[in-house]
Amino acid sequence: EFFDFGTIFFLVAAVVIFFQLRNVLGRRTGNERPPF
């Protein structure tokens, strides 16, 4: 009762975007080349 439809929609969108960025950018392993 505390969440309306708009709030649920934005939460789902945020989760989707997070996983897409993780797949594109990858995760740090400690072996990355330093920035130019």
Full PDB file with SEQRES, HELIX, SHEET, SSBOND, CRYST1, ORIGX, SCALE, CONECT and MASTER records, all heavy atoms in Angstrom:
SEQRES   1 A   36  GLU PHE PHE ASP PHE GLY THR ILE PHE PHE LEU VAL ALA          
SEQRES   2 A   36  ALA VAL VAL ILE PHE PHE GLN LEU ARG ASN VAL LEU GLY          
SEQRES   3 A   36  ARG ARG THR GLY ASN GLU ARG PRO PRO PHE                      
HELIX    1 AA1 PHE A    5  LEU A   25  1                                  21    
CRYST1    1.000    1.000    1.000  90.00  90.00  90.00 P 1           1          
ORIGX1      1.000000  0.000000  0.000000        0.00000                         
ORIGX2      0.000000  1.000000  0.000000        0.00000                         
ORIGX3      0.000000  0.000000  1.000000        0.00000                         
SCALE1      1.000000  0.000000  0.000000        0.00000                         
SCALE2      0.000000  1.000000  0.000000        0.00000                         
SCALE3      0.000000  0.000000  1.000000        0.00000                         
ATOM      1  N   GLU A   1       0.824  -1.193   0.000  1.00  0.00           N  
ATOM      2  CA  GLU A   1       0.000   0.000   0.000  1.00  0.00           C  
ATOM      3  C   GLU A   1       0.872   1.262   0.000  1.00  0.00           C  
ATOM      4  O   GLU A   1       0.379   2.357  -0.213  1.00  0.00           O  
ATOM      5  CB  GLU A   1      -0.907  -0.006   1.233  1.00  0.00           C  
ATOM      6  CG  GLU A   1      -0.115  -0.048   2.544  1.00  0.00           C  
ATOM      7  CD  GLU A   1      -1.035  -0.193   3.734  1.00  0.00           C  
ATOM      8  OE1 GLU A   1      -2.232  -0.371   3.512  1.00  0.00           O  
ATOM      9  OE2 GLU A   1      -0.524  -0.124   4.867  1.00  0.00           O  
ATOM     10  N   PHE A   2       2.176   1.085   0.334  1.00  0.00           N  
ATOM     11  CA  PHE A   2       3.063   2.260   0.355  1.00  0.00           C  
ATOM     12  C   PHE A   2       3.659   2.574  -1.014  1.00  0.00           C  
ATOM     13  O   PHE A   2       4.323   3.572  -1.185  1.00  0.00           O  
ATOM     14  CB  PHE A   2       4.223   2.023   1.354  1.00  0.00           C  
ATOM     15  CG  PHE A   2       3.741   1.843   2.770  1.00  0.00           C  
ATOM     16  CD1 PHE A   2       3.670   0.562   3.308  1.00  0.00           C  
ATOM     17  CD2 PHE A   2       3.330   2.931   3.517  1.00  0.00           C  
ATOM     18  CE1 PHE A   2       3.235   0.399   4.607  1.00  0.00           C  
ATOM     19  CE2 PHE A   2       2.896   2.761   4.806  1.00  0.00           C  
ATOM     20  CZ  PHE A   2       2.831   1.492   5.364  1.00  0.00           C  
ATOM     21  N   PHE A   3       3.553   1.684  -1.966  1.00  0.00           N  
ATOM     22  CA  PHE A   3       4.124   1.890  -3.311  1.00  0.00           C  
ATOM     23  C   PHE A   3       3.004   2.026  -4.326  1.00  0.00           C  
ATOM     24  O   PHE A   3       2.084   1.204  -4.358  1.00  0.00           O  
ATOM     25  CB  PHE A   3       5.011   0.698  -3.711  1.00  0.00           C  
ATOM     26  CG  PHE A   3       6.204   0.528  -2.793  1.00  0.00           C  
ATOM     27  CD1 PHE A   3       6.137  -0.347  -1.715  1.00  0.00           C  
ATOM     28  CD2 PHE A   3       7.357   1.257  -3.036  1.00  0.00           C  
ATOM     29  CE1 PHE A   3       7.224  -0.504  -0.876  1.00  0.00           C  
ATOM     30  CE2 PHE A   3       8.450   1.082  -2.204  1.00  0.00           C  
ATOM     31  CZ  PHE A   3       8.384   0.216  -1.118  1.00  0.00           C  
ATOM     32  N   ASP A   4       3.038   2.997  -5.124  1.00  0.00           N  
ATOM     33  CA  ASP A   4       2.078   3.104  -6.231  1.00  0.00           C  
ATOM     34  C   ASP A   4       2.711   2.512  -7.474  1.00  0.00           C  
ATOM     35  O   ASP A   4       3.868   2.087  -7.474  1.00  0.00           O  
ATOM     36  CB  ASP A   4       1.653   4.557  -6.441  1.00  0.00           C  
ATOM     37  CG  ASP A   4       2.841   5.472  -6.694  1.00  0.00           C  
ATOM     38  OD1 ASP A   4       3.932   4.949  -7.047  1.00  0.00           O  
ATOM     39  OD2 ASP A   4       2.710   6.691  -6.534  1.00  0.00           O  
ATOM     40  N   PHE A   5       2.010   2.492  -8.546  1.00  0.00           N  
ATOM     41  CA  PHE A   5       2.491   1.874  -9.786  1.00  0.00           C  
ATOM     42  C   PHE A   5       3.725   2.582 -10.323  1.00  0.00           C  
ATOM     43  O   PHE A   5       4.662   1.960 -10.814  1.00  0.00           O  
ATOM     44  CB  PHE A   5       1.359   1.889 -10.827  1.00  0.00           C  
ATOM     45  CG  PHE A   5       1.783   1.345 -12.159  1.00  0.00           C  
ATOM     46  CD1 PHE A   5       1.915  -0.026 -12.365  1.00  0.00           C  
ATOM     47  CD2 PHE A   5       2.109   2.209 -13.208  1.00  0.00           C  
ATOM     48  CE1 PHE A   5       2.315  -0.514 -13.601  1.00  0.00           C  
ATOM     49  CE2 PHE A   5       2.509   1.718 -14.427  1.00  0.00           C  
ATOM     50  CZ  PHE A   5       2.602   0.349 -14.634  1.00  0.00           C  
ATOM     51  N   GLY A   6       3.776   3.908 -10.245  1.00  0.00           N  
ATOM     52  CA  GLY A   6       4.914   4.670 -10.780  1.00  0.00           C  
ATOM     53  C   GLY A   6       6.199   4.336 -10.047  1.00  0.00           C  
ATOM     54  O   GLY A   6       7.262   4.180 -10.650  1.00  0.00           O  
ATOM     55  N   THR A   7       6.147   4.180  -8.735  1.00  0.00           N  
ATOM     56  CA  THR A   7       7.352   3.858  -7.950  1.00  0.00           C  
ATOM     57  C   THR A   7       7.903   2.502  -8.345  1.00  0.00           C  
ATOM     58  O   THR A   7       9.109   2.313  -8.520  1.00  0.00           O  
ATOM     59  CB  THR A   7       7.021   3.870  -6.456  1.00  0.00           C  
ATOM     60  OG1 THR A   7       6.516   5.161  -6.102  1.00  0.00           O  
ATOM     61  CG2 THR A   7       8.280   3.583  -5.634  1.00  0.00           C  
ATOM     62  N   ILE A   8       6.972   1.493  -8.467  1.00  0.00           N  
ATOM     63  CA  ILE A   8       7.397   0.138  -8.857  1.00  0.00           C  
ATOM     64  C   ILE A   8       8.033   0.153 -10.236  1.00  0.00           C  
ATOM     65  O   ILE A   8       9.058  -0.499 -10.488  1.00  0.00           O  
ATOM     66  CB  ILE A   8       6.191  -0.823  -8.824  1.00  0.00           C  
ATOM     67  CG1 ILE A   8       5.692  -0.949  -7.375  1.00  0.00           C  
ATOM     68  CG2 ILE A   8       6.573  -2.186  -9.384  1.00  0.00           C  
ATOM     69  CD1 ILE A   8       4.408  -1.759  -7.252  1.00  0.00           C  
ATOM     70  N   PHE A   9       7.509   0.964 -11.142  1.00  0.00           N  
ATOM     71  CA  PHE A   9       8.030   1.022 -12.509  1.00  0.00           C  
ATOM     72  C   PHE A   9       9.477   1.527 -12.508  1.00  0.00           C  
ATOM     73  O   PHE A   9      10.350   0.963 -13.161  1.00  0.00           O  
ATOM     74  CB  PHE A   9       7.150   1.941 -13.357  1.00  0.00           C  
ATOM     75  CG  PHE A   9       7.695   2.171 -14.749  1.00  0.00           C  
ATOM     76  CD1 PHE A   9       7.537   1.221 -15.754  1.00  0.00           C  
ATOM     77  CD2 PHE A   9       8.401   3.343 -15.037  1.00  0.00           C  
ATOM     78  CE1 PHE A   9       8.064   1.445 -17.020  1.00  0.00           C  
ATOM     79  CE2 PHE A   9       8.907   3.556 -16.295  1.00  0.00           C  
ATOM     80  CZ  PHE A   9       8.740   2.606 -17.294  1.00  0.00           C  
ATOM     81  N   PHE A  10       9.742   2.586 -11.740  1.00  0.00           N  
ATOM     82  CA  PHE A  10      11.098   3.150 -11.713  1.00  0.00           C  
ATOM     83  C   PHE A  10      12.099   2.220 -11.036  1.00  0.00           C  
ATOM     84  O   PHE A  10      13.266   2.155 -11.402  1.00  0.00           O  
ATOM     85  CB  PHE A  10      11.086   4.516 -11.007  1.00  0.00           C  
ATOM     86  CG  PHE A  10      10.522   5.626 -11.859  1.00  0.00           C  
ATOM     87  CD1 PHE A  10       9.334   6.245 -11.512  1.00  0.00           C  
ATOM     88  CD2 PHE A  10      11.158   6.031 -13.028  1.00  0.00           C  
ATOM     89  CE1 PHE A  10       8.798   7.252 -12.304  1.00  0.00           C  
ATOM     90  CE2 PHE A  10      10.628   7.042 -13.820  1.00  0.00           C  
ATOM     91  CZ  PHE A  10       9.440   7.660 -13.468  1.00  0.00           C  
ATOM     92  N   LEU A  11      11.674   1.448 -10.032  1.00  0.00           N  
ATOM     93  CA  LEU A  11      12.569   0.498  -9.381  1.00  0.00           C  
ATOM     94  C   LEU A  11      12.989  -0.601 -10.342  1.00  0.00           C  
ATOM     95  O   LEU A  11      14.150  -1.000 -10.412  1.00  0.00           O  
ATOM     96  CB  LEU A  11      11.892  -0.118  -8.156  1.00  0.00           C  
ATOM     97  CG  LEU A  11      11.774   0.793  -6.923  1.00  0.00           C  
ATOM     98  CD1 LEU A  11      10.947   0.103  -5.845  1.00  0.00           C  
ATOM     99  CD2 LEU A  11      13.163   1.117  -6.386  1.00  0.00           C  
ATOM    100  N   VAL A  12      11.991  -1.107 -11.084  1.00  0.00           N  
ATOM    101  CA  VAL A  12      12.291  -2.157 -12.069  1.00  0.00           C  
ATOM    102  C   VAL A  12      13.230  -1.622 -13.147  1.00  0.00           C  
ATOM    103  O   VAL A  12      14.191  -2.274 -13.562  1.00  0.00           O  
ATOM    104  CB  VAL A  12      10.992  -2.688 -12.698  1.00  0.00           C  
ATOM    105  CG1 VAL A  12      11.313  -3.649 -13.849  1.00  0.00           C  
ATOM    106  CG2 VAL A  12      10.133  -3.372 -11.659  1.00  0.00           C  
ATOM    107  N   ALA A  13      13.008  -0.403 -13.606  1.00  0.00           N  
ATOM    108  CA  ALA A  13      13.857   0.194 -14.644  1.00  0.00           C  
ATOM    109  C   ALA A  13      15.277   0.364 -14.147  1.00  0.00           C  
ATOM    110  O   ALA A  13      16.250   0.122 -14.865  1.00  0.00           O  
ATOM    111  CB  ALA A  13      13.276   1.550 -15.082  1.00  0.00           C  
ATOM    112  N   ALA A  14      15.443   0.769 -12.892  1.00  0.00           N  
ATOM    113  CA  ALA A  14      16.771   0.963 -12.325  1.00  0.00           C  
ATOM    114  C   ALA A  14      17.548  -0.335 -12.247  1.00  0.00           C  
ATOM    115  O   ALA A  14      18.749  -0.388 -12.532  1.00  0.00           O  
ATOM    116  CB  ALA A  14      16.651   1.586 -10.923  1.00  0.00           C  
ATOM    117  N   VAL A  15      16.864  -1.427 -11.842  1.00  0.00           N  
ATOM    118  CA  VAL A  15      17.519  -2.732 -11.762  1.00  0.00           C  
ATOM    119  C   VAL A  15      17.977  -3.188 -13.135  1.00  0.00           C  
ATOM    120  O   VAL A  15      19.085  -3.705 -13.325  1.00  0.00           O  
ATOM    121  CB  VAL A  15      16.578  -3.774 -11.127  1.00  0.00           C  
ATOM    122  CG1 VAL A  15      17.193  -5.173 -11.220  1.00  0.00           C  
ATOM    123  CG2 VAL A  15      16.290  -3.429  -9.682  1.00  0.00           C  
ATOM    124  N   VAL A  16      17.147  -2.988 -14.143  1.00  0.00           N  
ATOM    125  CA  VAL A  16      17.483  -3.397 -15.515  1.00  0.00           C  
ATOM    126  C   VAL A  16      18.705  -2.622 -16.019  1.00  0.00           C  
ATOM    127  O   VAL A  16      19.629  -3.176 -16.606  1.00  0.00           O  
ATOM    128  CB  VAL A  16      16.273  -3.192 -16.445  1.00  0.00           C  
ATOM    129  CG1 VAL A  16      16.693  -3.429 -17.903  1.00  0.00           C  
ATOM    130  CG2 VAL A  16      15.134  -4.113 -16.048  1.00  0.00           C  
ATOM    131  N   ILE A  17      18.686  -1.330 -15.788  1.00  0.00           N  
ATOM    132  CA  ILE A  17      19.807  -0.502 -16.249  1.00  0.00           C  
ATOM    133  C   ILE A  17      21.097  -0.904 -15.564  1.00  0.00           C  
ATOM    134  O   ILE A  17      22.176  -0.963 -16.156  1.00  0.00           O  
ATOM    135  CB  ILE A  17      19.493   0.985 -15.988  1.00  0.00           C  
ATOM    136  CG1 ILE A  17      18.337   1.443 -16.888  1.00  0.00           C  
ATOM    137  CG2 ILE A  17      20.728   1.856 -16.229  1.00  0.00           C  
ATOM    138  CD1 ILE A  17      17.829   2.836 -16.586  1.00  0.00           C  
ATOM    139  N   PHE A  18      21.070  -1.212 -14.258  1.00  0.00           N  
ATOM    140  CA  PHE A  18      22.253  -1.619 -13.499  1.00  0.00           C  
ATOM    141  C   PHE A  18      22.896  -2.860 -14.106  1.00  0.00           C  
ATOM    142  O   PHE A  18      24.105  -2.908 -14.322  1.00  0.00           O  
ATOM    143  CB  PHE A  18      21.855  -1.885 -12.042  1.00  0.00           C  
ATOM    144  CG  PHE A  18      22.964  -2.521 -11.248  1.00  0.00           C  
ATOM    145  CD1 PHE A  18      24.057  -1.782 -10.805  1.00  0.00           C  
ATOM    146  CD2 PHE A  18      22.934  -3.879 -10.954  1.00  0.00           C  
ATOM    147  CE1 PHE A  18      25.068  -2.378 -10.077  1.00  0.00           C  
ATOM    148  CE2 PHE A  18      23.954  -4.471 -10.237  1.00  0.00           C  
ATOM    149  CZ  PHE A  18      25.017  -3.713  -9.802  1.00  0.00           C  
ATOM    150  N   PHE A  19      22.053  -3.883 -14.396  1.00  0.00           N  
ATOM    151  CA  PHE A  19      22.616  -5.114 -14.967  1.00  0.00           C  
ATOM    152  C   PHE A  19      23.161  -4.898 -16.367  1.00  0.00           C  
ATOM    153  O   PHE A  19      24.158  -5.502 -16.768  1.00  0.00           O  
ATOM    154  CB  PHE A  19      21.546  -6.212 -14.977  1.00  0.00           C  
ATOM    155  CG  PHE A  19      21.377  -6.883 -13.631  1.00  0.00           C  
ATOM    156  CD1 PHE A  19      20.303  -6.580 -12.812  1.00  0.00           C  
ATOM    157  CD2 PHE A  19      22.325  -7.795 -13.179  1.00  0.00           C  
ATOM    158  CE1 PHE A  19      20.157  -7.183 -11.574  1.00  0.00           C  
ATOM    159  CE2 PHE A  19      22.184  -8.401 -11.942  1.00  0.00           C  
ATOM    160  CZ  PHE A  19      21.090  -8.093 -11.127  1.00  0.00           C  
ATOM    161  N   GLN A  20      22.539  -4.007 -17.155  1.00  0.00           N  
ATOM    162  CA  GLN A  20      23.049  -3.733 -18.506  1.00  0.00           C  
ATOM    163  C   GLN A  20      24.416  -3.045 -18.440  1.00  0.00           C  
ATOM    164  O   GLN A  20      25.327  -3.382 -19.191  1.00  0.00           O  
ATOM    165  CB  GLN A  20      22.047  -2.851 -19.262  1.00  0.00           C  
ATOM    166  CG  GLN A  20      20.774  -3.593 -19.678  1.00  0.00           C  
ATOM    167  CD  GLN A  20      19.796  -2.681 -20.402  1.00  0.00           C  
ATOM    168  OE1 GLN A  20      19.876  -1.468 -20.293  1.00  0.00           O  
ATOM    169  NE2 GLN A  20      18.876  -3.288 -21.150  1.00  0.00           N  
ATOM    170  N   LEU A  21      24.556  -2.071 -17.533  1.00  0.00           N  
ATOM    171  CA  LEU A  21      25.849  -1.392 -17.388  1.00  0.00           C  
ATOM    172  C   LEU A  21      26.936  -2.338 -16.912  1.00  0.00           C  
ATOM    173  O   LEU A  21      28.084  -2.275 -17.343  1.00  0.00           O  
ATOM    174  CB  LEU A  21      25.713  -0.230 -16.390  1.00  0.00           C  
ATOM    175  CG  LEU A  21      24.934   0.994 -16.877  1.00  0.00           C  
ATOM    176  CD1 LEU A  21      24.763   1.993 -15.747  1.00  0.00           C  
ATOM    177  CD2 LEU A  21      25.628   1.644 -18.057  1.00  0.00           C  
ATOM    178  N   ARG A  22      26.584  -3.245 -16.036  1.00  0.00           N  
ATOM    179  CA  ARG A  22      27.559  -4.207 -15.521  1.00  0.00           C  
ATOM    180  C   ARG A  22      28.056  -5.115 -16.630  1.00  0.00           C  
ATOM    181  O   ARG A  22      29.243  -5.445 -16.705  1.00  0.00           O  
ATOM    182  CB  ARG A  22      26.918  -5.024 -14.408  1.00  0.00           C  
ATOM    183  CG  ARG A  22      27.921  -5.919 -13.678  1.00  0.00           C  
ATOM    184  CD  ARG A  22      27.241  -6.693 -12.596  1.00  0.00           C  
ATOM    185  NE  ARG A  22      28.231  -7.464 -11.840  1.00  0.00           N  
ATOM    186  CZ  ARG A  22      27.908  -8.381 -10.940  1.00  0.00           C  
ATOM    187  NH1 ARG A  22      26.633  -8.643 -10.691  1.00  0.00           N  
ATOM    188  NH2 ARG A  22      28.849  -9.031 -10.281  1.00  0.00           N  
ATOM    189  N   ASN A  23      27.142  -5.520 -17.514  1.00  0.00           N  
ATOM    190  CA  ASN A  23      27.530  -6.400 -18.632  1.00  0.00           C  
ATOM    191  C   ASN A  23      28.413  -5.667 -19.632  1.00  0.00           C  
ATOM    192  O   ASN A  23      29.295  -6.246 -20.246  1.00  0.00           O  
ATOM    193  CB  ASN A  23      26.286  -6.945 -19.329  1.00  0.00           C  
ATOM    194  CG  ASN A  23      25.530  -7.930 -18.444  1.00  0.00           C  
ATOM    195  OD1 ASN A  23      26.131  -8.586 -17.593  1.00  0.00           O  
ATOM    196  ND2 ASN A  23      24.220  -8.011 -18.632  1.00  0.00           N  
ATOM    197  N   VAL A  24      28.114  -4.341 -19.827  1.00  0.00           N  
ATOM    198  CA  VAL A  24      28.877  -3.586 -20.816  1.00  0.00           C  
ATOM    199  C   VAL A  24      30.253  -3.180 -20.282  1.00  0.00           C  
ATOM    200  O   VAL A  24      31.271  -3.335 -20.928  1.00  0.00           O  
ATOM    201  CB  VAL A  24      28.086  -2.316 -21.234  1.00  0.00           C  
ATOM    202  CG1 VAL A  24      28.958  -1.424 -22.128  1.00  0.00           C  
ATOM    203  CG2 VAL A  24      26.827  -2.711 -21.959  1.00  0.00           C  
ATOM    204  N   LEU A  25      30.288  -2.654 -19.034  1.00  0.00           N  
ATOM    205  CA  LEU A  25      31.537  -2.142 -18.468  1.00  0.00           C  
ATOM    206  C   LEU A  25      32.374  -3.205 -17.797  1.00  0.00           C  
ATOM    207  O   LEU A  25      33.573  -3.052 -17.624  1.00  0.00           O  
ATOM    208  CB  LEU A  25      31.215  -1.032 -17.464  1.00  0.00           C  
ATOM    209  CG  LEU A  25      30.463   0.175 -18.038  1.00  0.00           C  
ATOM    210  CD1 LEU A  25      30.176   1.182 -16.925  1.00  0.00           C  
ATOM    211  CD2 LEU A  25      31.263   0.823 -19.143  1.00  0.00           C  
ATOM    212  N   GLY A  26      31.763  -4.293 -17.360  1.00  0.00           N  
ATOM    213  CA  GLY A  26      32.496  -5.348 -16.678  1.00  0.00           C  
ATOM    214  C   GLY A  26      32.780  -4.983 -15.241  1.00  0.00           C  
ATOM    215  O   GLY A  26      32.376  -3.927 -14.747  1.00  0.00           O  
ATOM    216  N   ARG A  27      33.504  -5.847 -14.563  1.00  0.00           N  
ATOM    217  CA  ARG A  27      33.860  -5.640 -13.168  1.00  0.00           C  
ATOM    218  C   ARG A  27      35.371  -5.492 -13.020  1.00  0.00           C  
ATOM    219  O   ARG A  27      36.132  -6.026 -13.804  1.00  0.00           O  
ATOM    220  CB  ARG A  27      33.378  -6.841 -12.336  1.00  0.00           C  
ATOM    221  CG  ARG A  27      31.866  -6.926 -12.239  1.00  0.00           C  
ATOM    222  CD  ARG A  27      31.461  -8.229 -11.580  1.00  0.00           C  
ATOM    223  NE  ARG A  27      31.830  -9.379 -12.431  1.00  0.00           N  
ATOM    224  CZ  ARG A  27      31.601 -10.645 -12.092  1.00  0.00           C  
ATOM    225  NH1 ARG A  27      31.062 -10.932 -10.934  1.00  0.00           N  
ATOM    226  NH2 ARG A  27      31.939 -11.624 -12.916  1.00  0.00           N  
ATOM    227  N   ARG A  28      35.819  -4.736 -11.993  1.00  0.00           N  
ATOM    228  CA  ARG A  28      37.254  -4.549 -11.751  1.00  0.00           C  
ATOM    229  C   ARG A  28      37.863  -5.825 -11.188  1.00  0.00           C  
ATOM    230  O   ARG A  28      37.290  -6.444 -10.299  1.00  0.00           O  
ATOM    231  CB  ARG A  28      37.485  -3.399 -10.762  1.00  0.00           C  
ATOM    232  CG  ARG A  28      37.209  -2.043 -11.382  1.00  0.00           C  
ATOM    233  CD  ARG A  28      37.662  -0.936 -10.451  1.00  0.00           C  
ATOM    234  NE  ARG A  28      37.550   0.363 -11.094  1.00  0.00           N  
ATOM    235  CZ  ARG A  28      38.466   0.901 -11.887  1.00  0.00           C  
ATOM    236  NH1 ARG A  28      39.582   0.227 -12.118  1.00  0.00           N  
ATOM    237  NH2 ARG A  28      38.309   2.076 -12.427  1.00  0.00           N  
ATOM    238  N   THR A  29      38.998  -6.203 -11.740  1.00  0.00           N  
ATOM    239  CA  THR A  29      39.688  -7.405 -11.264  1.00  0.00           C  
ATOM    240  C   THR A  29      41.034  -7.064 -10.623  1.00  0.00           C  
ATOM    241  O   THR A  29      41.719  -7.926 -10.105  1.00  0.00           O  
ATOM    242  CB  THR A  29      39.941  -8.369 -12.453  1.00  0.00           C  
ATOM    243  OG1 THR A  29      40.827  -7.743 -13.359  1.00  0.00           O  
ATOM    244  CG2 THR A  29      38.637  -8.724 -13.140  1.00  0.00           C  
ATOM    245  N   GLY A  30      41.436  -5.771 -10.764  1.00  0.00           N  
ATOM    246  CA  GLY A  30      42.750  -5.374 -10.243  1.00  0.00           C  
ATOM    247  C   GLY A  30      43.814  -5.418 -11.307  1.00  0.00           C  
ATOM    248  O   GLY A  30      44.949  -5.019 -11.081  1.00  0.00           O  
ATOM    249  N   ASN A  31      43.505  -5.895 -12.514  1.00  0.00           N  
ATOM    250  CA  ASN A  31      44.476  -5.999 -13.612  1.00  0.00           C  
ATOM    251  C   ASN A  31      44.196  -5.003 -14.727  1.00  0.00           C  
ATOM    252  O   ASN A  31      44.754  -5.105 -15.808  1.00  0.00           O  
ATOM    253  CB  ASN A  31      44.468  -7.421 -14.195  1.00  0.00           C  
ATOM    254  CG  ASN A  31      44.905  -8.452 -13.169  1.00  0.00           C  
ATOM    255  OD1 ASN A  31      45.841  -8.210 -12.412  1.00  0.00           O  
ATOM    256  ND2 ASN A  31      44.212  -9.573 -13.132  1.00  0.00           N  
ATOM    257  N   GLU A  32      43.309  -4.043 -14.472  1.00  0.00           N  
ATOM    258  CA  GLU A  32      42.956  -3.104 -15.530  1.00  0.00           C  
ATOM    259  C   GLU A  32      44.109  -2.154 -15.825  1.00  0.00           C  
ATOM    260  O   GLU A  32      44.913  -1.829 -14.941  1.00  0.00           O  
ATOM    261  CB  GLU A  32      41.723  -2.267 -15.106  1.00  0.00           C  
ATOM    262  CG  GLU A  32      40.451  -3.077 -14.980  1.00  0.00           C  
ATOM    263  CD  GLU A  32      40.371  -3.790 -13.642  1.00  0.00           C  
ATOM    264  OE1 GLU A  32      41.248  -3.555 -12.789  1.00  0.00           O  
ATOM    265  OE2 GLU A  32      39.452  -4.595 -13.461  1.00  0.00           O  
ATOM    266  N   ARG A  33      44.207  -1.664 -17.063  1.00  0.00           N  
ATOM    267  CA  ARG A  33      45.200  -0.671 -17.431  1.00  0.00           C  
ATOM    268  C   ARG A  33      44.767   0.670 -16.854  1.00  0.00           C  
ATOM    269  O   ARG A  33      43.585   0.991 -16.823  1.00  0.00           O  
ATOM    270  CB  ARG A  33      45.327  -0.573 -18.956  1.00  0.00           C  
ATOM    271  CG  ARG A  33      45.842  -1.845 -19.595  1.00  0.00           C  
ATOM    272  CD  ARG A  33      45.883  -1.705 -21.095  1.00  0.00           C  
ATOM    273  NE  ARG A  33      46.825  -0.635 -21.496  1.00  0.00           N  
ATOM    274  CZ  ARG A  33      46.992  -0.267 -22.758  1.00  0.00           C  
ATOM    275  NH1 ARG A  33      46.300  -0.832 -23.714  1.00  0.00           N  
ATOM    276  NH2 ARG A  33      47.844   0.678 -23.056  1.00  0.00           N  
ATOM    277  N   PRO A  34      45.699   1.488 -16.386  1.00  0.00           N  
ATOM    278  CA  PRO A  34      45.323   2.785 -15.822  1.00  0.00           C  
ATOM    279  C   PRO A  34      44.761   3.689 -16.914  1.00  0.00           C  
ATOM    280  O   PRO A  34      45.042   3.501 -18.100  1.00  0.00           O  
ATOM    281  CB  PRO A  34      46.666   3.323 -15.292  1.00  0.00           C  
ATOM    282  CG  PRO A  34      47.697   2.632 -16.103  1.00  0.00           C  
ATOM    283  CD  PRO A  34      47.144   1.262 -16.378  1.00  0.00           C  
ATOM    284  N   PRO A  35      43.972   4.685 -16.530  1.00  0.00           N  
ATOM    285  CA  PRO A  35      43.408   5.600 -17.526  1.00  0.00           C  
ATOM    286  C   PRO A  35      44.496   6.401 -18.200  1.00  0.00           C  
ATOM    287  O   PRO A  35      45.559   6.658 -17.626  1.00  0.00           O  
ATOM    288  CB  PRO A  35      42.495   6.505 -16.680  1.00  0.00           C  
ATOM    289  CG  PRO A  35      43.047   6.416 -15.300  1.00  0.00           C  
ATOM    290  CD  PRO A  35      43.555   5.002 -15.172  1.00  0.00           C  
ATOM    291  N   PHE A  36      44.280   6.829 -19.431  1.00  0.00           N  
ATOM    292  CA  PHE A  36      45.269   7.569 -20.216  1.00  0.00           C  
ATOM    293  C   PHE A  36      45.489   8.949 -19.617  1.00  0.00           C  
ATOM    294  O   PHE A  36      44.546   9.697 -19.358  1.00  0.00           O  
ATOM    295  CB  PHE A  36      44.783   7.710 -21.663  1.00  0.00           C  
ATOM    296  CG  PHE A  36      45.703   8.536 -22.525  1.00  0.00           C  
ATOM    297  CD1 PHE A  36      46.902   8.020 -22.976  1.00  0.00           C  
ATOM    298  CD2 PHE A  36      45.362   9.835 -22.874  1.00  0.00           C  
ATOM    299  CE1 PHE A  36      47.739   8.775 -23.760  1.00  0.00           C  
ATOM    300  CE2 PHE A  36      46.200  10.595 -23.656  1.00  0.00           C  
ATOM    301  CZ  PHE A  36      47.383  10.054 -24.103  1.00  0.00           C  
TER     302      PHE A  36                                                      
MASTER        0    0    0    1    0    0    0    6  301    1    0    3          
END                                                                             
